[in-house]
Amino acid sequence: MPSWSVVVPAKRLDVAKTRLRPLTAARADAGAAHQELVLALLADTVSAALACPAVGAVVVVTDDPAAAGVVRRLGARTVADEPDRGLNPALEHGARQAPGAAVAALSSDLPALRPEELAAALAAAGRATRAFVADAQGTGTTLLTAVGTDLQPRFGPGSAAAHLAGGARALRGDWPGLVRDVDTEADLRAALLLGAGSCTTALAVHLGAAR
């Protein structure tokens, strides 16, 4: 099994996860609470990746100081989003900075991800030059991998079909936490039912979302 470098994109907190804002909108500290939620999702995702035995390095691409501080304390490396032209250029930049020939782009909002799920998906991905895992809806992408070649990310609406059309192999397995990204309150509740990481769980309890 190759040692993988995992690249995680982290937007500036003020523009990240806008569809989750209704969870905190009624609070006096709405802006701060929303940022804490975004950071909790990121921290649990990065923690799971760092704990995965197949992962040798985690590189977070971000221009947000708070996000950078959180992931560095966990043991991840950060690089600035020098292109600053959106998600896919950021991932391409991060992949170029990542060590080794096996690189994976991982969504930053997978709080129920288990290290063993990621290890199993990466083992399957190692048998293909490029591969991806679709999200729970089957239209988006939560993991994109490349071995000895360019990552060629096509994240955004319809990314699963775009990655398939671009020659990446679709991977499927029993990886519930890997496919459960969090864009909405319903997604968050689904992740909590799976068993989210400690940061997301604690904040969901604080926000009253863990019911």
N, C-alpha and C. Protein backbone atom coordinates (compact mmCIF):
# COMPACT_ATOMS: atom_id res chain seq x y z
N MET A 1 0.85 -1.19 0.00
CA MET A 1 0.00 0.00 0.00
C MET A 1 0.89 1.24 0.00
N PRO A 2 0.66 2.18 -0.93
CA PRO A 2 1.48 3.40 -0.94
C PRO A 2 1.17 4.29 0.26
N SER A 3 2.11 5.13 0.62
CA SER A 3 1.85 6.14 1.63
C SER A 3 1.24 7.35 0.94
N TRP A 4 0.06 7.70 1.33
CA TRP A 4 -0.70 8.73 0.63
C TRP A 4 -0.49 10.11 1.26
N SER A 5 -0.47 11.11 0.43
CA SER A 5 -0.60 12.49 0.86
C SER A 5 -2.05 12.91 0.62
N VAL A 6 -2.69 13.39 1.66
CA VAL A 6 -4.09 13.81 1.56
C VAL A 6 -4.15 15.33 1.57
N VAL A 7 -4.80 15.89 0.57
CA VAL A 7 -4.94 17.33 0.43
C VAL A 7 -6.38 17.71 0.78
N VAL A 8 -6.52 18.63 1.73
CA VAL A 8 -7.85 19.06 2.20
C VAL A 8 -7.98 20.56 1.96
N PRO A 9 -9.01 20.99 1.24
CA PRO A 9 -9.20 22.43 1.05
C PRO A 9 -10.03 23.02 2.18
N ALA A 10 -9.67 24.22 2.62
CA ALA A 10 -10.44 24.89 3.67
C ALA A 10 -10.67 26.33 3.27
N LYS A 11 -11.91 26.66 2.96
CA LYS A 11 -12.25 28.03 2.56
C LYS A 11 -12.08 28.99 3.73
N ARG A 12 -12.05 30.26 3.43
CA ARG A 12 -12.14 31.28 4.47
C ARG A 12 -13.45 31.08 5.22
N LEU A 13 -13.41 31.19 6.52
CA LEU A 13 -14.56 30.82 7.34
C LEU A 13 -15.80 31.65 7.04
N ASP A 14 -15.62 32.90 6.65
CA ASP A 14 -16.79 33.75 6.42
C ASP A 14 -17.56 33.39 5.16
N VAL A 15 -16.98 32.58 4.27
CA VAL A 15 -17.69 32.19 3.05
C VAL A 15 -17.90 30.67 2.98
N ALA A 16 -17.55 29.96 4.03
CA ALA A 16 -17.66 28.49 4.01
C ALA A 16 -19.01 28.02 4.55
N LYS A 17 -19.51 26.97 3.95
CA LYS A 17 -20.70 26.26 4.45
C LYS A 17 -21.89 27.19 4.69
N THR A 18 -22.23 27.97 3.69
CA THR A 18 -23.31 28.96 3.84
C THR A 18 -24.67 28.30 4.08
N ARG A 19 -24.86 27.08 3.57
CA ARG A 19 -26.16 26.43 3.77
C ARG A 19 -26.36 25.93 5.20
N LEU A 20 -25.32 25.99 6.02
CA LEU A 20 -25.45 25.64 7.43
C LEU A 20 -25.76 26.86 8.30
N ARG A 21 -25.79 28.04 7.72
CA ARG A 21 -26.02 29.24 8.52
C ARG A 21 -27.36 29.25 9.26
N PRO A 22 -28.44 28.63 8.73
CA PRO A 22 -29.68 28.62 9.51
C PRO A 22 -29.54 27.99 10.90
N LEU A 23 -28.56 27.13 11.09
CA LEU A 23 -28.36 26.51 12.40
C LEU A 23 -27.96 27.52 13.46
N THR A 24 -27.30 28.58 13.06
CA THR A 24 -26.78 29.56 14.02
C THR A 24 -27.39 30.95 13.86
N ALA A 25 -28.26 31.12 12.87
CA ALA A 25 -28.73 32.47 12.51
C ALA A 25 -29.46 33.17 13.66
N ALA A 26 -30.15 32.43 14.52
CA ALA A 26 -30.94 33.05 15.58
C ALA A 26 -30.11 33.40 16.81
N ARG A 27 -28.86 33.03 16.83
CA ARG A 27 -28.01 33.26 17.99
C ARG A 27 -27.42 34.66 17.96
N ALA A 28 -27.17 35.21 19.15
CA ALA A 28 -26.53 36.51 19.23
C ALA A 28 -25.11 36.47 18.66
N ASP A 29 -24.49 35.31 18.81
CA ASP A 29 -23.13 35.12 18.29
C ASP A 29 -23.14 34.31 17.00
N ALA A 30 -24.09 34.61 16.12
CA ALA A 30 -24.31 33.78 14.93
C ALA A 30 -23.05 33.61 14.10
N GLY A 31 -22.33 34.69 13.84
CA GLY A 31 -21.14 34.60 13.00
C GLY A 31 -20.07 33.73 13.61
N ALA A 32 -19.80 33.94 14.89
CA ALA A 32 -18.77 33.15 15.58
C ALA A 32 -19.17 31.69 15.68
N ALA A 33 -20.45 31.43 15.96
CA ALA A 33 -20.92 30.05 16.09
C ALA A 33 -20.81 29.30 14.77
N HIS A 34 -21.12 29.99 13.68
CA HIS A 34 -21.00 29.36 12.37
C HIS A 34 -19.54 29.01 12.07
N GLN A 35 -18.65 29.92 12.37
CA GLN A 35 -17.23 29.66 12.14
C GLN A 35 -16.75 28.48 12.99
N GLU A 36 -17.22 28.39 14.22
CA GLU A 36 -16.85 27.27 15.09
C GLU A 36 -17.34 25.95 14.51
N LEU A 37 -18.52 25.96 13.90
CA LEU A 37 -19.05 24.75 13.30
C LEU A 37 -18.20 24.32 12.11
N VAL A 38 -17.84 25.27 11.26
CA VAL A 38 -16.99 24.95 10.11
C VAL A 38 -15.65 24.39 10.58
N LEU A 39 -15.08 24.98 11.61
CA LEU A 39 -13.81 24.50 12.14
C LEU A 39 -13.94 23.12 12.75
N ALA A 40 -15.07 22.84 13.39
CA ALA A 40 -15.28 21.51 13.98
C ALA A 40 -15.33 20.43 12.90
N LEU A 41 -16.05 20.71 11.81
CA LEU A 41 -16.11 19.75 10.70
C LEU A 41 -14.71 19.50 10.14
N LEU A 42 -13.96 20.57 9.97
CA LEU A 42 -12.60 20.46 9.43
C LEU A 42 -11.70 19.67 10.38
N ALA A 43 -11.77 19.98 11.67
CA ALA A 43 -10.91 19.31 12.64
C ALA A 43 -11.17 17.82 12.70
N ASP A 44 -12.43 17.41 12.69
CA ASP A 44 -12.73 15.98 12.75
C ASP A 44 -12.31 15.27 11.48
N THR A 45 -12.44 15.93 10.34
CA THR A 45 -12.01 15.35 9.07
C THR A 45 -10.50 15.15 9.05
N VAL A 46 -9.77 16.19 9.41
CA VAL A 46 -8.31 16.12 9.40
C VAL A 46 -7.80 15.12 10.44
N SER A 47 -8.44 15.07 11.60
CA SER A 47 -8.04 14.10 12.63
C SER A 47 -8.17 12.68 12.12
N ALA A 48 -9.27 12.38 11.44
CA ALA A 48 -9.46 11.03 10.89
C ALA A 48 -8.41 10.71 9.84
N ALA A 49 -8.10 11.68 8.98
CA ALA A 49 -7.09 11.45 7.95
C ALA A 49 -5.72 11.21 8.57
N LEU A 50 -5.37 12.00 9.57
CA LEU A 50 -4.07 11.84 10.23
C LEU A 50 -3.96 10.50 10.95
N ALA A 51 -5.08 9.97 11.42
CA ALA A 51 -5.08 8.69 12.14
C ALA A 51 -5.11 7.49 11.21
N CYS A 52 -5.24 7.73 9.90
CA CYS A 52 -5.33 6.64 8.94
C CYS A 52 -3.92 6.08 8.68
N PRO A 53 -3.73 4.77 8.83
CA PRO A 53 -2.38 4.21 8.65
C PRO A 53 -1.84 4.30 7.24
N ALA A 54 -2.71 4.52 6.25
CA ALA A 54 -2.26 4.64 4.86
C ALA A 54 -1.80 6.04 4.51
N VAL A 55 -1.99 6.98 5.41
CA VAL A 55 -1.70 8.39 5.13
C VAL A 55 -0.37 8.79 5.76
N GLY A 56 0.51 9.32 4.93
CA GLY A 56 1.79 9.78 5.42
C GLY A 56 1.83 11.26 5.72
N ALA A 57 0.96 12.04 5.07
CA ALA A 57 0.93 13.49 5.28
C ALA A 57 -0.44 14.03 4.94
N VAL A 58 -0.84 15.06 5.67
CA VAL A 58 -2.08 15.78 5.37
C VAL A 58 -1.69 17.24 5.12
N VAL A 59 -2.08 17.73 3.95
CA VAL A 59 -1.78 19.11 3.54
C VAL A 59 -3.11 19.85 3.41
N VAL A 60 -3.27 20.91 4.19
CA VAL A 60 -4.50 21.71 4.14
C VAL A 60 -4.20 23.00 3.39
N VAL A 61 -4.97 23.24 2.34
CA VAL A 61 -4.81 24.45 1.54
C VAL A 61 -5.79 25.49 2.06
N THR A 62 -5.28 26.55 2.66
CA THR A 62 -6.17 27.55 3.24
C THR A 62 -5.47 28.89 3.37
N ASP A 63 -6.26 29.95 3.30
CA ASP A 63 -5.80 31.29 3.58
C ASP A 63 -6.41 31.81 4.89
N ASP A 64 -7.14 30.94 5.58
CA ASP A 64 -7.80 31.36 6.81
C ASP A 64 -6.90 31.08 8.01
N PRO A 65 -6.53 32.10 8.78
CA PRO A 65 -5.62 31.89 9.91
C PRO A 65 -6.17 30.94 10.97
N ALA A 66 -7.46 31.03 11.27
CA ALA A 66 -8.04 30.17 12.29
C ALA A 66 -8.03 28.71 11.84
N ALA A 67 -8.40 28.47 10.59
CA ALA A 67 -8.37 27.11 10.06
C ALA A 67 -6.95 26.56 10.06
N ALA A 68 -6.00 27.38 9.64
CA ALA A 68 -4.61 26.95 9.62
C ALA A 68 -4.13 26.60 11.02
N GLY A 69 -4.49 27.41 12.01
CA GLY A 69 -4.07 27.13 13.37
C GLY A 69 -4.63 25.83 13.91
N VAL A 70 -5.90 25.57 13.63
CA VAL A 70 -6.54 24.34 14.10
C VAL A 70 -5.85 23.10 13.53
N VAL A 71 -5.64 23.08 12.23
CA VAL A 71 -5.09 21.86 11.62
C VAL A 71 -3.61 21.68 11.92
N ARG A 72 -2.89 22.78 12.10
CA ARG A 72 -1.47 22.65 12.47
C ARG A 72 -1.34 22.02 13.85
N ARG A 73 -2.20 22.42 14.76
CA ARG A 73 -2.16 21.83 16.11
C ARG A 73 -2.44 20.34 16.08
N LEU A 74 -3.22 19.91 15.10
CA LEU A 74 -3.52 18.48 14.96
C LEU A 74 -2.36 17.71 14.34
N GLY A 75 -1.48 18.40 13.63
CA GLY A 75 -0.34 17.75 13.00
C GLY A 75 -0.32 17.82 11.49
N ALA A 76 -1.24 18.57 10.91
CA ALA A 76 -1.27 18.74 9.46
C ALA A 76 -0.35 19.87 9.04
N ARG A 77 0.04 19.83 7.79
CA ARG A 77 0.82 20.91 7.19
C ARG A 77 -0.14 21.82 6.43
N THR A 78 0.17 23.10 6.35
CA THR A 78 -0.69 24.01 5.60
C THR A 78 0.11 24.69 4.49
N VAL A 79 -0.60 25.00 3.41
CA VAL A 79 -0.04 25.81 2.34
C VAL A 79 -1.07 26.88 2.00
N ALA A 80 -0.59 28.05 1.65
CA ALA A 80 -1.49 29.13 1.27
C ALA A 80 -2.15 28.83 -0.07
N ASP A 81 -3.37 29.33 -0.22
CA ASP A 81 -4.09 29.18 -1.49
C ASP A 81 -3.58 30.24 -2.46
N GLU A 82 -2.38 30.03 -2.95
CA GLU A 82 -1.73 31.04 -3.79
C GLU A 82 -2.51 31.33 -5.08
N PRO A 83 -3.13 30.33 -5.72
CA PRO A 83 -3.90 30.71 -6.92
C PRO A 83 -5.10 31.58 -6.59
N ASP A 84 -5.78 31.27 -5.44
CA ASP A 84 -6.98 32.00 -5.01
C ASP A 84 -7.97 32.14 -6.16
N ARG A 85 -8.18 31.03 -6.88
CA ARG A 85 -9.10 31.05 -8.02
C ARG A 85 -10.20 30.00 -7.86
N GLY A 86 -10.43 29.53 -6.65
CA GLY A 86 -11.48 28.56 -6.44
C GLY A 86 -10.95 27.21 -6.01
N LEU A 87 -11.87 26.29 -5.81
CA LEU A 87 -11.56 24.99 -5.21
C LEU A 87 -10.61 24.15 -6.03
N ASN A 88 -10.88 23.98 -7.31
CA ASN A 88 -10.04 23.08 -8.11
C ASN A 88 -8.61 23.59 -8.28
N PRO A 89 -8.39 24.87 -8.57
CA PRO A 89 -7.01 25.36 -8.59
C PRO A 89 -6.31 25.21 -7.23
N ALA A 90 -7.07 25.38 -6.14
CA ALA A 90 -6.47 25.20 -4.81
C ALA A 90 -6.01 23.77 -4.61
N LEU A 91 -6.81 22.81 -5.04
CA LEU A 91 -6.44 21.41 -4.90
C LEU A 91 -5.24 21.06 -5.79
N GLU A 92 -5.21 21.60 -6.98
CA GLU A 92 -4.06 21.36 -7.86
C GLU A 92 -2.79 21.90 -7.22
N HIS A 93 -2.89 23.09 -6.63
CA HIS A 93 -1.74 23.69 -5.95
C HIS A 93 -1.31 22.83 -4.77
N GLY A 94 -2.28 22.39 -3.95
CA GLY A 94 -1.96 21.54 -2.81
C GLY A 94 -1.33 20.23 -3.22
N ALA A 95 -1.82 19.65 -4.30
CA ALA A 95 -1.26 18.38 -4.78
C ALA A 95 0.19 18.54 -5.21
N ARG A 96 0.50 19.69 -5.80
CA ARG A 96 1.89 19.94 -6.21
C ARG A 96 2.82 20.08 -5.01
N GLN A 97 2.27 20.53 -3.88
CA GLN A 97 3.08 20.69 -2.67
C GLN A 97 3.17 19.41 -1.84
N ALA A 98 2.34 18.44 -2.15
CA ALA A 98 2.28 17.23 -1.34
C ALA A 98 3.40 16.27 -1.70
N PRO A 99 3.98 15.61 -0.70
CA PRO A 99 5.06 14.66 -0.98
C PRO A 99 4.54 13.33 -1.55
N GLY A 100 5.36 12.68 -2.35
CA GLY A 100 5.03 11.35 -2.84
C GLY A 100 4.23 11.35 -4.12
N ALA A 101 4.07 10.14 -4.67
CA ALA A 101 3.38 9.98 -5.96
C ALA A 101 1.91 9.66 -5.80
N ALA A 102 1.46 9.33 -4.59
CA ALA A 102 0.06 8.97 -4.35
C ALA A 102 -0.61 10.12 -3.59
N VAL A 103 -1.54 10.80 -4.26
CA VAL A 103 -2.17 11.99 -3.70
C VAL A 103 -3.69 11.82 -3.71
N ALA A 104 -4.33 12.26 -2.64
CA ALA A 104 -5.78 12.19 -2.56
C ALA A 104 -6.33 13.53 -2.12
N ALA A 105 -7.36 14.00 -2.80
CA ALA A 105 -8.09 15.20 -2.38
C ALA A 105 -9.29 14.74 -1.57
N LEU A 106 -9.44 15.30 -0.38
CA LEU A 106 -10.50 14.88 0.54
C LEU A 106 -11.34 16.09 0.93
N SER A 107 -12.65 15.93 0.91
CA SER A 107 -13.54 17.00 1.35
C SER A 107 -13.26 17.36 2.81
N SER A 108 -13.52 18.60 3.16
CA SER A 108 -13.19 19.09 4.50
C SER A 108 -14.35 18.94 5.49
N ASP A 109 -15.45 18.34 5.04
CA ASP A 109 -16.68 18.31 5.86
C ASP A 109 -17.19 16.89 6.05
N LEU A 110 -16.30 16.02 6.54
CA LEU A 110 -16.63 14.61 6.73
C LEU A 110 -16.45 14.24 8.20
N PRO A 111 -17.30 14.77 9.09
CA PRO A 111 -17.06 14.59 10.53
C PRO A 111 -17.25 13.16 11.03
N ALA A 112 -17.94 12.32 10.27
CA ALA A 112 -18.15 10.92 10.68
C ALA A 112 -17.13 9.98 10.05
N LEU A 113 -16.14 10.52 9.35
CA LEU A 113 -15.14 9.68 8.70
C LEU A 113 -14.36 8.87 9.72
N ARG A 114 -14.15 7.59 9.41
CA ARG A 114 -13.33 6.71 10.24
C ARG A 114 -12.00 6.46 9.53
N PRO A 115 -10.90 6.42 10.27
CA PRO A 115 -9.61 6.14 9.64
C PRO A 115 -9.59 4.85 8.84
N GLU A 116 -10.27 3.82 9.35
CA GLU A 116 -10.27 2.53 8.65
C GLU A 116 -11.08 2.59 7.35
N GLU A 117 -12.10 3.44 7.29
CA GLU A 117 -12.83 3.63 6.04
C GLU A 117 -11.93 4.26 4.99
N LEU A 118 -11.23 5.29 5.40
CA LEU A 118 -10.32 5.97 4.48
C LEU A 118 -9.22 5.02 4.01
N ALA A 119 -8.70 4.20 4.92
CA ALA A 119 -7.66 3.23 4.55
C ALA A 119 -8.18 2.25 3.51
N ALA A 120 -9.40 1.76 3.70
CA ALA A 120 -9.97 0.81 2.75
C ALA A 120 -10.19 1.44 1.38
N ALA A 121 -10.68 2.69 1.37
CA ALA A 121 -10.91 3.38 0.11
C ALA A 121 -9.58 3.65 -0.60
N LEU A 122 -8.56 4.04 0.14
CA LEU A 122 -7.26 4.31 -0.47
C LEU A 122 -6.61 3.03 -0.99
N ALA A 123 -6.85 1.91 -0.29
CA ALA A 123 -6.32 0.64 -0.79
C ALA A 123 -6.95 0.30 -2.14
N ALA A 124 -8.25 0.53 -2.26
CA ALA A 124 -8.92 0.30 -3.54
C ALA A 124 -8.43 1.28 -4.59
N ALA A 125 -8.20 2.52 -4.18
CA ALA A 125 -7.75 3.53 -5.12
C ALA A 125 -6.34 3.26 -5.63
N GLY A 126 -5.54 2.58 -4.83
CA GLY A 126 -4.17 2.29 -5.23
C GLY A 126 -4.07 1.36 -6.42
N ARG A 127 -5.18 0.73 -6.78
CA ARG A 127 -5.19 -0.17 -7.94
C ARG A 127 -5.59 0.54 -9.23
N ALA A 128 -5.74 1.84 -9.16
CA ALA A 128 -6.11 2.64 -10.34
C ALA A 128 -5.23 3.87 -10.41
N THR A 129 -5.02 4.36 -11.62
CA THR A 129 -4.23 5.58 -11.77
C THR A 129 -4.96 6.77 -11.16
N ARG A 130 -6.25 6.88 -11.44
CA ARG A 130 -7.09 7.91 -10.85
C ARG A 130 -8.40 7.27 -10.44
N ALA A 131 -8.94 7.69 -9.30
CA ALA A 131 -10.18 7.11 -8.81
C ALA A 131 -10.91 8.14 -7.95
N PHE A 132 -12.20 7.87 -7.68
CA PHE A 132 -12.96 8.80 -6.84
C PHE A 132 -14.05 8.04 -6.10
N VAL A 133 -14.51 8.66 -5.02
CA VAL A 133 -15.65 8.17 -4.25
C VAL A 133 -16.73 9.23 -4.31
N ALA A 134 -17.92 8.85 -4.75
CA ALA A 134 -19.05 9.78 -4.82
C ALA A 134 -19.65 9.98 -3.43
N ASP A 135 -20.35 11.09 -3.26
CA ASP A 135 -21.01 11.36 -1.98
C ASP A 135 -22.28 10.51 -1.85
N ALA A 136 -22.98 10.67 -0.72
CA ALA A 136 -24.15 9.84 -0.44
C ALA A 136 -25.25 10.02 -1.47
N GLN A 137 -25.32 11.19 -2.09
CA GLN A 137 -26.33 11.44 -3.14
C GLN A 137 -25.91 10.88 -4.49
N GLY A 138 -24.65 10.55 -4.63
CA GLY A 138 -24.15 9.98 -5.88
C GLY A 138 -23.78 10.99 -6.94
N THR A 139 -23.90 12.27 -6.64
CA THR A 139 -23.62 13.29 -7.65
C THR A 139 -22.33 14.05 -7.38
N GLY A 140 -21.99 14.23 -6.11
CA GLY A 140 -20.77 14.93 -5.72
C GLY A 140 -19.62 13.96 -5.50
N THR A 141 -18.51 14.49 -5.05
CA THR A 141 -17.30 13.70 -4.81
C THR A 141 -16.74 14.05 -3.45
N THR A 142 -16.39 13.04 -2.66
CA THR A 142 -15.75 13.30 -1.37
C THR A 142 -14.28 12.94 -1.37
N LEU A 143 -13.84 12.07 -2.29
CA LEU A 143 -12.44 11.65 -2.36
C LEU A 143 -12.06 11.49 -3.82
N LEU A 144 -10.93 12.07 -4.19
CA LEU A 144 -10.38 11.92 -5.54
C LEU A 144 -8.90 11.57 -5.39
N THR A 145 -8.45 10.54 -6.11
CA THR A 145 -7.07 10.08 -5.94
C THR A 145 -6.34 10.02 -7.27
N ALA A 146 -5.02 10.12 -7.17
CA ALA A 146 -4.16 10.00 -8.34
C ALA A 146 -2.85 9.38 -7.90
N VAL A 147 -2.36 8.43 -8.68
CA VAL A 147 -1.08 7.78 -8.40
C VAL A 147 -0.16 7.97 -9.60
N GLY A 148 0.90 8.73 -9.42
CA GLY A 148 1.86 8.93 -10.49
C GLY A 148 1.36 9.77 -11.64
N THR A 149 0.32 10.55 -11.42
CA THR A 149 -0.23 11.40 -12.47
C THR A 149 -0.89 12.61 -11.84
N ASP A 150 -1.34 13.56 -12.65
CA ASP A 150 -2.00 14.75 -12.13
C ASP A 150 -3.35 14.40 -11.53
N LEU A 151 -3.74 15.15 -10.51
CA LEU A 151 -5.01 14.89 -9.81
C LEU A 151 -6.22 15.20 -10.70
N GLN A 152 -6.18 16.26 -11.47
CA GLN A 152 -7.25 16.68 -12.37
C GLN A 152 -8.61 16.81 -11.65
N PRO A 153 -8.69 17.63 -10.61
CA PRO A 153 -9.95 17.76 -9.86
C PRO A 153 -11.01 18.49 -10.66
N ARG A 154 -12.24 18.02 -10.52
CA ARG A 154 -13.39 18.64 -11.17
C ARG A 154 -14.52 18.78 -10.15
N PHE A 155 -14.17 19.26 -8.96
CA PHE A 155 -15.17 19.40 -7.91
C PHE A 155 -16.14 20.53 -8.26
N GLY A 156 -17.35 20.41 -7.71
CA GLY A 156 -18.42 21.33 -8.02
C GLY A 156 -19.67 20.54 -8.35
N PRO A 157 -20.75 21.20 -8.79
CA PRO A 157 -21.98 20.48 -9.14
C PRO A 157 -21.71 19.40 -10.19
N GLY A 158 -22.21 18.20 -9.94
CA GLY A 158 -22.04 17.11 -10.88
C GLY A 158 -20.63 16.57 -10.97
N SER A 159 -19.86 16.72 -9.90
CA SER A 159 -18.44 16.34 -9.97
C SER A 159 -18.22 14.84 -10.15
N ALA A 160 -19.13 14.02 -9.63
CA ALA A 160 -18.95 12.57 -9.81
C ALA A 160 -18.97 12.21 -11.30
N ALA A 161 -19.93 12.73 -12.02
CA ALA A 161 -20.00 12.47 -13.46
C ALA A 161 -18.80 13.08 -14.18
N ALA A 162 -18.36 14.25 -13.74
CA ALA A 162 -17.21 14.90 -14.38
C ALA A 162 -15.93 14.10 -14.16
N HIS A 163 -15.75 13.57 -12.95
CA HIS A 163 -14.55 12.76 -12.69
C HIS A 163 -14.60 11.44 -13.47
N LEU A 164 -15.78 10.86 -13.56
CA LEU A 164 -15.92 9.62 -14.33
C LEU A 164 -15.62 9.88 -15.81
N ALA A 165 -16.17 10.96 -16.33
CA ALA A 165 -15.93 11.30 -17.74
C ALA A 165 -14.46 11.61 -18.00
N GLY A 166 -13.77 12.09 -16.98
CA GLY A 166 -12.36 12.42 -17.12
C GLY A 166 -11.44 11.23 -16.95
N GLY A 167 -12.01 10.03 -16.80
CA GLY A 167 -11.20 8.82 -16.76
C GLY A 167 -10.92 8.26 -15.38
N ALA A 168 -11.45 8.88 -14.33
CA ALA A 168 -11.25 8.35 -12.98
C ALA A 168 -12.20 7.17 -12.75
N ARG A 169 -11.72 6.19 -12.02
CA ARG A 169 -12.51 5.00 -11.71
C ARG A 169 -13.40 5.25 -10.51
N ALA A 170 -14.68 4.90 -10.59
CA ALA A 170 -15.61 5.05 -9.48
C ALA A 170 -15.40 3.92 -8.48
N LEU A 171 -15.21 4.27 -7.22
CA LEU A 171 -15.01 3.28 -6.17
C LEU A 171 -16.26 3.21 -5.29
N ARG A 172 -16.59 2.00 -4.88
CA ARG A 172 -17.75 1.82 -3.99
C ARG A 172 -17.36 0.84 -2.89
N GLY A 173 -17.84 1.12 -1.70
CA GLY A 173 -17.55 0.25 -0.58
C GLY A 173 -18.41 0.63 0.61
N ASP A 174 -18.21 -0.06 1.71
CA ASP A 174 -18.97 0.19 2.94
C ASP A 174 -18.24 1.28 3.73
N TRP A 175 -18.42 2.51 3.28
CA TRP A 175 -17.70 3.65 3.83
C TRP A 175 -18.70 4.77 4.17
N PRO A 176 -19.61 4.55 5.10
CA PRO A 176 -20.67 5.55 5.35
C PRO A 176 -20.16 6.91 5.77
N GLY A 177 -19.10 6.95 6.56
CA GLY A 177 -18.57 8.24 6.98
C GLY A 177 -17.85 8.98 5.87
N LEU A 178 -17.26 8.24 4.95
CA LEU A 178 -16.55 8.85 3.83
C LEU A 178 -17.48 9.51 2.83
N VAL A 179 -18.68 8.99 2.68
CA VAL A 179 -19.60 9.55 1.69
C VAL A 179 -20.53 10.60 2.29
N ARG A 180 -20.53 10.76 3.62
CA ARG A 180 -21.48 11.66 4.27
C ARG A 180 -20.83 13.03 4.52
N ASP A 181 -20.78 13.84 3.47
CA ASP A 181 -20.33 15.21 3.66
C ASP A 181 -21.49 16.04 4.21
N VAL A 182 -21.17 17.19 4.76
CA VAL A 182 -22.17 17.98 5.48
C VAL A 182 -22.32 19.34 4.82
N ASP A 183 -23.44 19.52 4.14
CA ASP A 183 -23.77 20.81 3.53
C ASP A 183 -25.00 21.45 4.16
N THR A 184 -25.87 20.64 4.76
CA THR A 184 -27.13 21.13 5.30
C THR A 184 -27.33 20.59 6.72
N GLU A 185 -28.35 21.09 7.40
CA GLU A 185 -28.66 20.60 8.74
C GLU A 185 -29.02 19.11 8.70
N ALA A 186 -29.74 18.69 7.65
CA ALA A 186 -30.09 17.28 7.53
C ALA A 186 -28.84 16.42 7.38
N ASP A 187 -27.87 16.91 6.62
CA ASP A 187 -26.60 16.20 6.48
C ASP A 187 -25.90 16.08 7.83
N LEU A 188 -25.92 17.16 8.60
CA LEU A 188 -25.27 17.14 9.91
C LEU A 188 -25.93 16.12 10.82
N ARG A 189 -27.25 16.08 10.82
CA ARG A 189 -27.94 15.10 11.66
C ARG A 189 -27.61 13.67 11.23
N ALA A 190 -27.49 13.45 9.92
CA ALA A 190 -27.14 12.12 9.43
C ALA A 190 -25.73 11.74 9.88
N ALA A 191 -24.81 12.70 9.85
CA ALA A 191 -23.45 12.43 10.30
C ALA A 191 -23.42 12.14 11.80
N LEU A 192 -24.22 12.86 12.56
CA LEU A 192 -24.27 12.61 14.00
C LEU A 192 -24.82 11.23 14.30
N LEU A 193 -25.78 10.77 13.52
CA LEU A 193 -26.32 9.42 13.71
C LEU A 193 -25.27 8.35 13.41
N LEU A 194 -24.39 8.64 12.47
CA LEU A 194 -23.30 7.70 12.17
C LEU A 194 -22.26 7.67 13.28
N GLY A 195 -22.15 8.78 14.00
CA GLY A 195 -21.14 8.92 15.03
C GLY A 195 -20.07 9.88 14.59
N ALA A 196 -20.35 11.17 14.73
CA ALA A 196 -19.39 12.19 14.31
C ALA A 196 -18.24 12.29 15.31
N GLY A 197 -17.17 12.95 14.87
CA GLY A 197 -16.03 13.15 15.73
C GLY A 197 -16.34 14.05 16.91
N SER A 198 -15.41 14.13 17.85
CA SER A 198 -15.66 14.80 19.12
C SER A 198 -15.92 16.29 18.96
N CYS A 199 -15.23 16.95 18.04
CA CYS A 199 -15.42 18.39 17.87
C CYS A 199 -16.81 18.72 17.36
N THR A 200 -17.24 18.01 16.33
CA THR A 200 -18.56 18.26 15.75
C THR A 200 -19.66 17.87 16.73
N THR A 201 -19.50 16.74 17.40
CA THR A 201 -20.52 16.29 18.35
C THR A 201 -20.70 17.29 19.48
N ALA A 202 -19.60 17.77 20.06
CA ALA A 202 -19.69 18.72 21.16
C ALA A 202 -20.35 20.01 20.72
N LEU A 203 -20.00 20.50 19.54
CA LEU A 203 -20.59 21.75 19.08
C LEU A 203 -22.06 21.57 18.71
N ALA A 204 -22.40 20.42 18.14
CA ALA A 204 -23.81 20.16 17.82
C ALA A 204 -24.66 20.13 19.07
N VAL A 205 -24.14 19.57 20.13
CA VAL A 205 -24.86 19.58 21.41
C VAL A 205 -25.03 21.01 21.89
N HIS A 206 -23.98 21.80 21.80
CA HIS A 206 -24.02 23.20 22.23
C HIS A 206 -25.05 24.00 21.41
N LEU A 207 -25.14 23.71 20.12
CA LEU A 207 -26.06 24.43 19.24
C LEU A 207 -27.48 23.87 19.29
N GLY A 208 -27.66 22.74 19.96
CA GLY A 208 -28.98 22.12 20.02
C GLY A 208 -29.33 21.33 18.78
N ALA A 209 -28.33 20.99 17.98
CA ALA A 209 -28.57 20.25 16.74
C ALA A 209 -28.51 18.75 16.95
N ALA A 210 -28.04 18.30 18.08
CA ALA A 210 -27.88 16.85 18.33
C ALA A 210 -29.11 16.31 19.03
N ARG A 211 -30.23 16.32 18.31
CA ARG A 211 -31.48 15.82 18.88
C ARG A 211 -32.00 14.68 18.01
